[in-house]
């Protein structure tokens, strides 16, 4: 197979998630969430990962994370038909999608809360004073249509673009409020202040894949600064050597080690660009239907 810049690529979505050893020890549910969607006929795909905060003040963050990935996939799917060029209009659409994700997530949380009111004990802890806090979560998402890719993020975690030569880069600006201990969140008073948006011309950047992962993956790495470069190169190498079906099968095992060592839930989602030389891309059904 050779690169075909004249042919619109088909994007393949892969994902995996593993509960952290600390949550197993403490008998807590997994706080991460992941959702993918793809349309093979149109060559489009969306991936989203979220990390519920898990702190006692965010006691419904597993639900918050699940609602976050559904909200992200729903809203990014809406803009796919309009992603025709990697320009300012695509950036504007991505920013508006980010705002819509926050609005949709908030509405879903409020609906869940109406159906599941806080208990009197939770009320005494001040849950009603800040009703979104219990559902606190990050969100990372990417959507691709043709050679246009948009990425957005609120909170910690990593979004990494890998070129066909194995070079990895970070397509999103840094969040100056992330200090390794605290994260921006969908539940904060002004979440859009923390929204980061990026647009990638996949053909011009010779993009092979993008991977998103929650901070449970990177925080357990010895090389805190460069692990993502090595991971990107390895993912591309494995895809070329073994095919995407093999990569998908291996994801749970790859995520199990950092989840065990670091103790935190660990989640990764990938978008892989069709037509990249050396990558076998069978039709993969790593897609969960999202209600219209």
Protein backbone atom coordinates (compact mmCIF):
# COMPACT_ATOMS: atom_id res chain seq x y z
CA UNK A 1 0.00 0.00 0.00
CA UNK A 2 1.22 3.52 -0.74
CA UNK A 3 0.10 6.95 0.40
CA UNK A 4 -2.64 8.28 -1.88
CA UNK A 5 -3.03 12.03 -1.26
CA UNK A 6 -5.54 12.21 -4.13
CA UNK A 7 -7.96 9.84 -2.41
CA UNK A 8 -10.05 10.84 0.63
CA UNK A 9 -8.88 8.67 3.52
CA UNK A 10 -11.04 6.36 5.60
CA UNK A 11 -10.47 6.82 9.32
CA UNK A 12 -10.46 3.88 11.70
CA UNK A 13 -11.23 4.21 15.42
CA UNK A 14 -9.65 2.01 18.09
CA UNK A 15 -10.00 2.22 21.86
CA UNK A 16 -9.34 0.52 25.16
CA UNK A 17 -9.76 1.22 28.87
CA UNK A 18 -8.62 -0.47 32.09
CA UNK A 19 -9.55 0.19 35.71
CA UNK A 20 -6.73 1.33 37.97
CA UNK A 21 -5.41 -0.84 40.79
CA UNK A 22 -6.25 1.81 43.40
CA UNK A 23 -9.89 1.79 42.34
CA UNK A 24 -9.92 -2.00 42.48
CA UNK A 25 -8.42 -1.87 45.97
CA UNK A 26 -10.95 0.70 47.16
CA UNK A 27 -13.91 -1.04 45.48
CA UNK A 28 -14.64 1.98 43.31
CA UNK A 29 -16.03 1.88 39.77
CA UNK A 30 -13.85 2.89 36.85
CA UNK A 31 -13.85 6.68 36.48
CA UNK A 32 -12.64 6.80 32.86
CA UNK A 33 -14.95 6.59 29.85
CA UNK A 34 -14.36 6.16 26.12
CA UNK A 35 -16.61 6.23 23.07
CA UNK A 36 -15.89 5.92 19.36
CA UNK A 37 -18.01 6.35 16.26
CA UNK A 38 -17.18 5.82 12.61
CA UNK A 39 -18.87 5.89 9.23
CA UNK A 40 -16.82 3.73 6.87
CA UNK A 41 -18.86 4.79 3.84
CA UNK A 42 -18.07 8.47 4.43
CA UNK A 43 -14.59 7.83 5.83
CA UNK A 44 -15.39 9.77 9.00
CA UNK A 45 -14.73 8.99 12.65
CA UNK A 46 -14.91 10.48 16.13
CA UNK A 47 -13.20 9.39 19.34
CA UNK A 48 -13.61 10.75 22.87
CA UNK A 49 -12.09 9.90 26.24
CA UNK A 50 -12.91 11.36 29.65
CA UNK A 51 -11.47 11.06 33.13
CA UNK A 52 -13.84 11.49 36.06
CA UNK A 53 -12.02 13.14 38.95
CA UNK A 54 -12.76 10.40 41.48
CA UNK A 55 -12.30 12.63 44.54
CA UNK A 56 -14.89 12.31 47.30
CA UNK A 57 -16.33 15.69 46.36
CA UNK A 58 -16.83 14.36 42.81
CA UNK A 59 -18.70 11.24 43.90
CA UNK A 60 -20.60 10.88 40.61
CA UNK A 61 -17.64 11.50 38.33
CA UNK A 62 -17.92 8.07 36.71
CA UNK A 63 -21.34 9.14 35.46
CA UNK A 64 -19.96 12.55 34.54
CA UNK A 65 -17.25 10.96 32.39
CA UNK A 66 -19.74 8.67 30.66
CA UNK A 67 -21.97 11.64 29.85
CA UNK A 68 -18.96 13.63 28.64
CA UNK A 69 -17.91 11.16 25.94
CA UNK A 70 -21.49 10.76 24.71
CA UNK A 71 -21.86 14.55 24.55
CA UNK A 72 -18.57 14.92 22.67
CA UNK A 73 -19.39 12.29 20.05
CA UNK A 74 -22.89 13.67 19.55
CA UNK A 75 -21.72 17.24 18.99
CA UNK A 76 -18.64 16.47 16.89
CA UNK A 77 -20.68 14.26 14.58
CA UNK A 78 -22.82 17.30 13.80
CA UNK A 79 -19.91 19.29 12.37
CA UNK A 80 -18.34 16.53 10.25
CA UNK A 81 -20.21 17.46 7.04
CA UNK A 82 -18.84 21.01 7.30
CA UNK A 83 -15.18 20.01 7.77
CA UNK A 84 -14.01 20.62 4.22
CA UNK A 85 -10.74 22.47 4.84
CA UNK A 86 -8.28 22.85 7.71
CA UNK A 87 -8.82 26.59 8.06
CA UNK A 88 -10.22 29.14 10.48
CA UNK A 89 -13.77 28.07 9.69
CA UNK A 90 -12.91 24.56 10.90
CA UNK A 91 -11.38 26.03 14.04
CA UNK A 92 -14.51 28.11 14.61
CA UNK A 93 -16.73 25.06 14.15
CA UNK A 94 -14.58 23.10 16.59
CA UNK A 95 -14.81 25.90 19.15
CA UNK A 96 -18.59 26.03 18.74
CA UNK A 97 -18.70 22.24 19.11
CA UNK A 98 -16.73 22.62 22.33
CA UNK A 99 -19.31 25.06 23.65
CA UNK A 100 -22.10 22.71 22.57
CA UNK A 101 -20.41 19.79 24.36
CA UNK A 102 -20.36 21.77 27.61
CA UNK A 103 -24.02 22.72 27.16
CA UNK A 104 -25.06 19.17 26.27
CA UNK A 105 -23.06 17.67 29.15
CA UNK A 106 -24.62 20.11 31.61
CA UNK A 107 -28.11 19.26 30.37
CA UNK A 108 -27.42 15.52 30.65
CA UNK A 109 -26.06 15.96 34.18
CA UNK A 110 -29.11 17.96 35.21
CA UNK A 111 -31.38 15.30 33.74
CA UNK A 112 -29.50 12.58 35.63
CA UNK A 113 -29.67 14.59 38.83
CA UNK A 114 -33.41 15.09 38.46
CA UNK A 115 -33.84 11.34 38.14
CA UNK A 116 -31.34 10.64 40.94
CA UNK A 117 -31.54 13.44 43.54
CA UNK A 118 -28.80 13.89 46.08
CA UNK A 119 -29.36 12.11 49.37
CA UNK A 120 -29.75 14.05 52.61
CA UNK A 121 -26.17 13.08 53.54
CA UNK A 122 -24.90 14.42 50.20
CA UNK A 123 -26.95 17.56 50.70
CA UNK A 124 -25.25 18.09 54.06
CA UNK A 125 -21.89 17.92 52.29
CA UNK A 126 -22.95 20.87 50.15
CA UNK A 127 -23.72 18.99 46.93
CA UNK A 128 -26.67 21.21 46.07
CA UNK A 129 -24.62 24.37 46.42
CA UNK A 130 -22.58 23.27 43.39
CA UNK A 131 -24.68 20.57 41.72
CA UNK A 132 -22.27 19.94 38.81
CA UNK A 133 -19.27 19.33 41.05
CA UNK A 134 -20.15 15.72 41.87
CA UNK A 135 -20.00 14.88 38.15
CA UNK A 136 -16.63 16.52 37.48
CA UNK A 137 -14.72 15.19 34.47
CA UNK A 138 -12.23 16.07 31.79
CA UNK A 139 -12.92 15.58 28.06
CA UNK A 140 -10.59 14.91 25.12
CA UNK A 141 -11.98 14.34 21.63
CA UNK A 142 -10.97 14.22 17.99
CA UNK A 143 -13.02 14.10 14.79
CA UNK A 144 -11.84 13.47 11.25
CA UNK A 145 -13.47 13.90 7.85
CA UNK A 146 -11.37 13.51 4.73
CA UNK A 147 -8.06 15.17 5.44
CA UNK A 148 -9.44 17.54 8.06
CA UNK A 149 -9.07 16.70 11.73
CA UNK A 150 -10.22 18.75 14.71
CA UNK A 151 -9.24 18.14 18.31
CA UNK A 152 -10.50 19.65 21.53
CA UNK A 153 -9.75 19.21 25.19
CA UNK A 154 -10.74 20.44 28.64
CA UNK A 155 -8.53 19.22 31.45
CA UNK A 156 -5.50 16.96 31.66
CA UNK A 157 -4.59 13.96 29.52
CA UNK A 158 -2.70 13.84 26.24
CA UNK A 159 -3.57 14.44 22.58
CA UNK A 160 -0.75 13.36 20.26
CA UNK A 161 -0.41 13.46 16.48
CA UNK A 162 1.92 10.98 14.78
CA UNK A 163 3.25 11.58 11.24
CA UNK A 164 4.01 8.86 8.71
CA UNK A 165 7.72 9.04 9.60
CA UNK A 166 6.93 8.33 13.26
CA UNK A 167 7.46 11.89 14.47
CA UNK A 168 5.03 12.80 17.26
CA UNK A 169 3.75 16.26 18.12
CA UNK A 170 1.12 17.88 20.33
CA UNK A 171 -1.46 19.69 18.18
CA UNK A 172 -3.14 21.51 21.09
CA UNK A 173 -1.85 24.47 23.09
CA UNK A 174 -0.83 23.85 26.69
CA UNK A 175 -3.21 24.58 29.55
CA UNK A 176 -1.31 26.91 31.93
CA UNK A 177 -3.59 25.93 34.83
CA UNK A 178 -2.49 22.28 34.83
CA UNK A 179 0.08 21.72 37.58
CA UNK A 180 0.12 17.94 37.91
CA UNK A 181 -2.16 18.05 40.95
CA UNK A 182 -5.21 19.94 39.72
CA UNK A 183 -7.04 19.82 36.43
CA UNK A 184 -9.46 21.97 34.50
CA UNK A 185 -12.92 20.44 34.42
CA UNK A 186 -16.31 20.42 32.78
CA UNK A 187 -17.76 21.16 36.22
CA UNK A 188 -15.84 24.39 36.85
CA UNK A 189 -17.73 27.70 36.73
CA UNK A 190 -16.34 28.73 33.30
CA UNK A 191 -15.24 25.52 31.54
CA UNK A 192 -14.87 27.20 28.16
CA UNK A 193 -12.00 29.25 29.58
CA UNK A 194 -10.08 25.96 29.61
CA UNK A 195 -11.17 24.77 26.15
CA UNK A 196 -8.25 24.05 23.82
CA UNK A 197 -8.90 23.55 20.11
CA UNK A 198 -6.68 22.40 17.27
CA UNK A 199 -7.11 21.82 13.52
CA UNK A 200 -4.88 19.53 11.47
CA UNK A 201 -4.51 19.21 7.71
CA UNK A 202 -3.79 15.48 7.69
CA UNK A 203 -2.40 15.49 4.15
CA UNK A 204 -0.08 18.45 4.67
CA UNK A 205 1.11 17.12 8.03
CA UNK A 206 1.50 13.59 6.64
CA UNK A 207 -0.60 12.41 9.58
CA UNK A 208 -0.76 8.67 10.21
CA UNK A 209 -2.71 8.62 13.45
CA UNK A 210 -3.69 10.56 16.53
CA UNK A 211 -4.03 9.09 19.98
CA UNK A 212 -5.81 10.45 23.03
CA UNK A 213 -5.20 9.12 26.52
CA UNK A 214 -6.19 9.95 30.05
CA UNK A 215 -3.45 10.99 32.46
CA UNK A 216 -3.31 7.51 33.97
CA UNK A 217 -1.23 6.45 30.98
CA UNK A 218 1.40 9.18 30.96
CA UNK A 219 1.79 9.72 34.70
CA UNK A 220 3.12 6.19 35.24
CA UNK A 221 5.93 6.63 32.70
CA UNK A 222 9.53 7.08 33.83
CA UNK A 223 10.24 9.50 30.98
CA UNK A 224 7.68 12.11 31.94
CA UNK A 225 8.67 14.50 29.13
CA UNK A 226 9.20 12.21 26.17
CA UNK A 227 7.07 9.10 26.67
CA UNK A 228 4.45 10.33 24.22
CA UNK A 229 7.01 10.55 21.40
CA UNK A 230 8.10 6.97 21.98
CA UNK A 231 4.50 5.78 22.32
CA UNK A 232 3.52 7.42 19.04
CA UNK A 233 6.43 5.87 17.19
CA UNK A 234 5.67 2.46 18.68
CA UNK A 235 1.97 2.61 17.83
CA UNK A 236 2.75 3.41 14.21
CA UNK A 237 5.40 0.70 14.06
CA UNK A 238 3.06 -1.91 15.52
CA UNK A 239 0.27 -0.93 13.10
CA UNK A 240 2.62 -1.40 10.17
CA UNK A 241 4.16 -4.61 11.45
CA UNK A 242 1.03 -6.38 12.67
CA UNK A 243 -2.08 -4.54 11.38
CA UNK A 244 -4.77 -2.61 13.20
CA UNK A 245 -6.73 -5.66 14.32
CA UNK A 246 -3.66 -6.81 16.25
CA UNK A 247 -3.19 -3.34 17.76
CA UNK A 248 -6.78 -3.35 18.94
CA UNK A 249 -6.34 -6.77 20.53
CA UNK A 250 -3.20 -5.61 22.36
CA UNK A 251 -4.61 -2.35 23.73
CA UNK A 252 -6.04 -3.84 26.95
CA UNK A 253 -2.69 -5.42 27.81
CA UNK A 254 -0.77 -2.23 27.05
CA UNK A 255 -3.11 -0.26 29.30
CA UNK A 256 -3.04 -2.83 32.11
CA UNK A 257 0.58 -2.11 33.08
CA UNK A 258 0.22 1.64 33.76
CA UNK A 259 -3.16 1.01 35.43
CA UNK A 260 -1.48 -1.45 37.78
CA UNK A 261 1.73 0.49 38.43
CA UNK A 262 0.27 4.00 38.57
CA UNK A 263 -2.99 2.90 40.15
CA UNK A 264 -5.19 5.19 38.05
CA UNK A 265 -7.70 4.21 35.38
CA UNK A 266 -6.03 4.21 31.97
CA UNK A 267 -7.75 4.85 28.65
CA UNK A 268 -6.59 5.37 25.07
CA UNK A 269 -8.41 6.02 21.80
CA UNK A 270 -6.86 6.24 18.32
CA UNK A 271 -7.86 7.61 14.96
CA UNK A 272 -5.84 5.97 12.20
CA UNK A 273 -5.76 7.48 8.70
CA UNK A 274 -6.40 5.14 5.81
CA UNK A 275 -3.98 5.08 2.90
CA UNK A 276 -0.87 5.33 5.08
CA UNK A 277 1.87 3.20 3.59
CA UNK A 278 2.36 -0.10 5.35
CA UNK A 279 -0.77 -0.12 7.50
CA UNK A 280 -3.24 -2.95 7.05
CA UNK A 281 -6.70 -1.52 7.70
CA UNK A 282 -9.39 -4.18 7.86
CA UNK A 283 -12.94 -3.06 8.45
CA UNK A 284 -13.01 -2.69 12.20
CA UNK A 285 -16.25 -2.43 14.13
CA UNK A 286 -14.93 -0.59 17.18
CA UNK A 287 -17.98 1.62 17.17
CA UNK A 288 -20.77 2.12 19.67
CA UNK A 289 -23.96 3.55 18.14
CA UNK A 290 -24.93 6.94 19.49
CA UNK A 291 -28.61 7.91 19.59
CA UNK A 292 -29.57 10.57 17.10
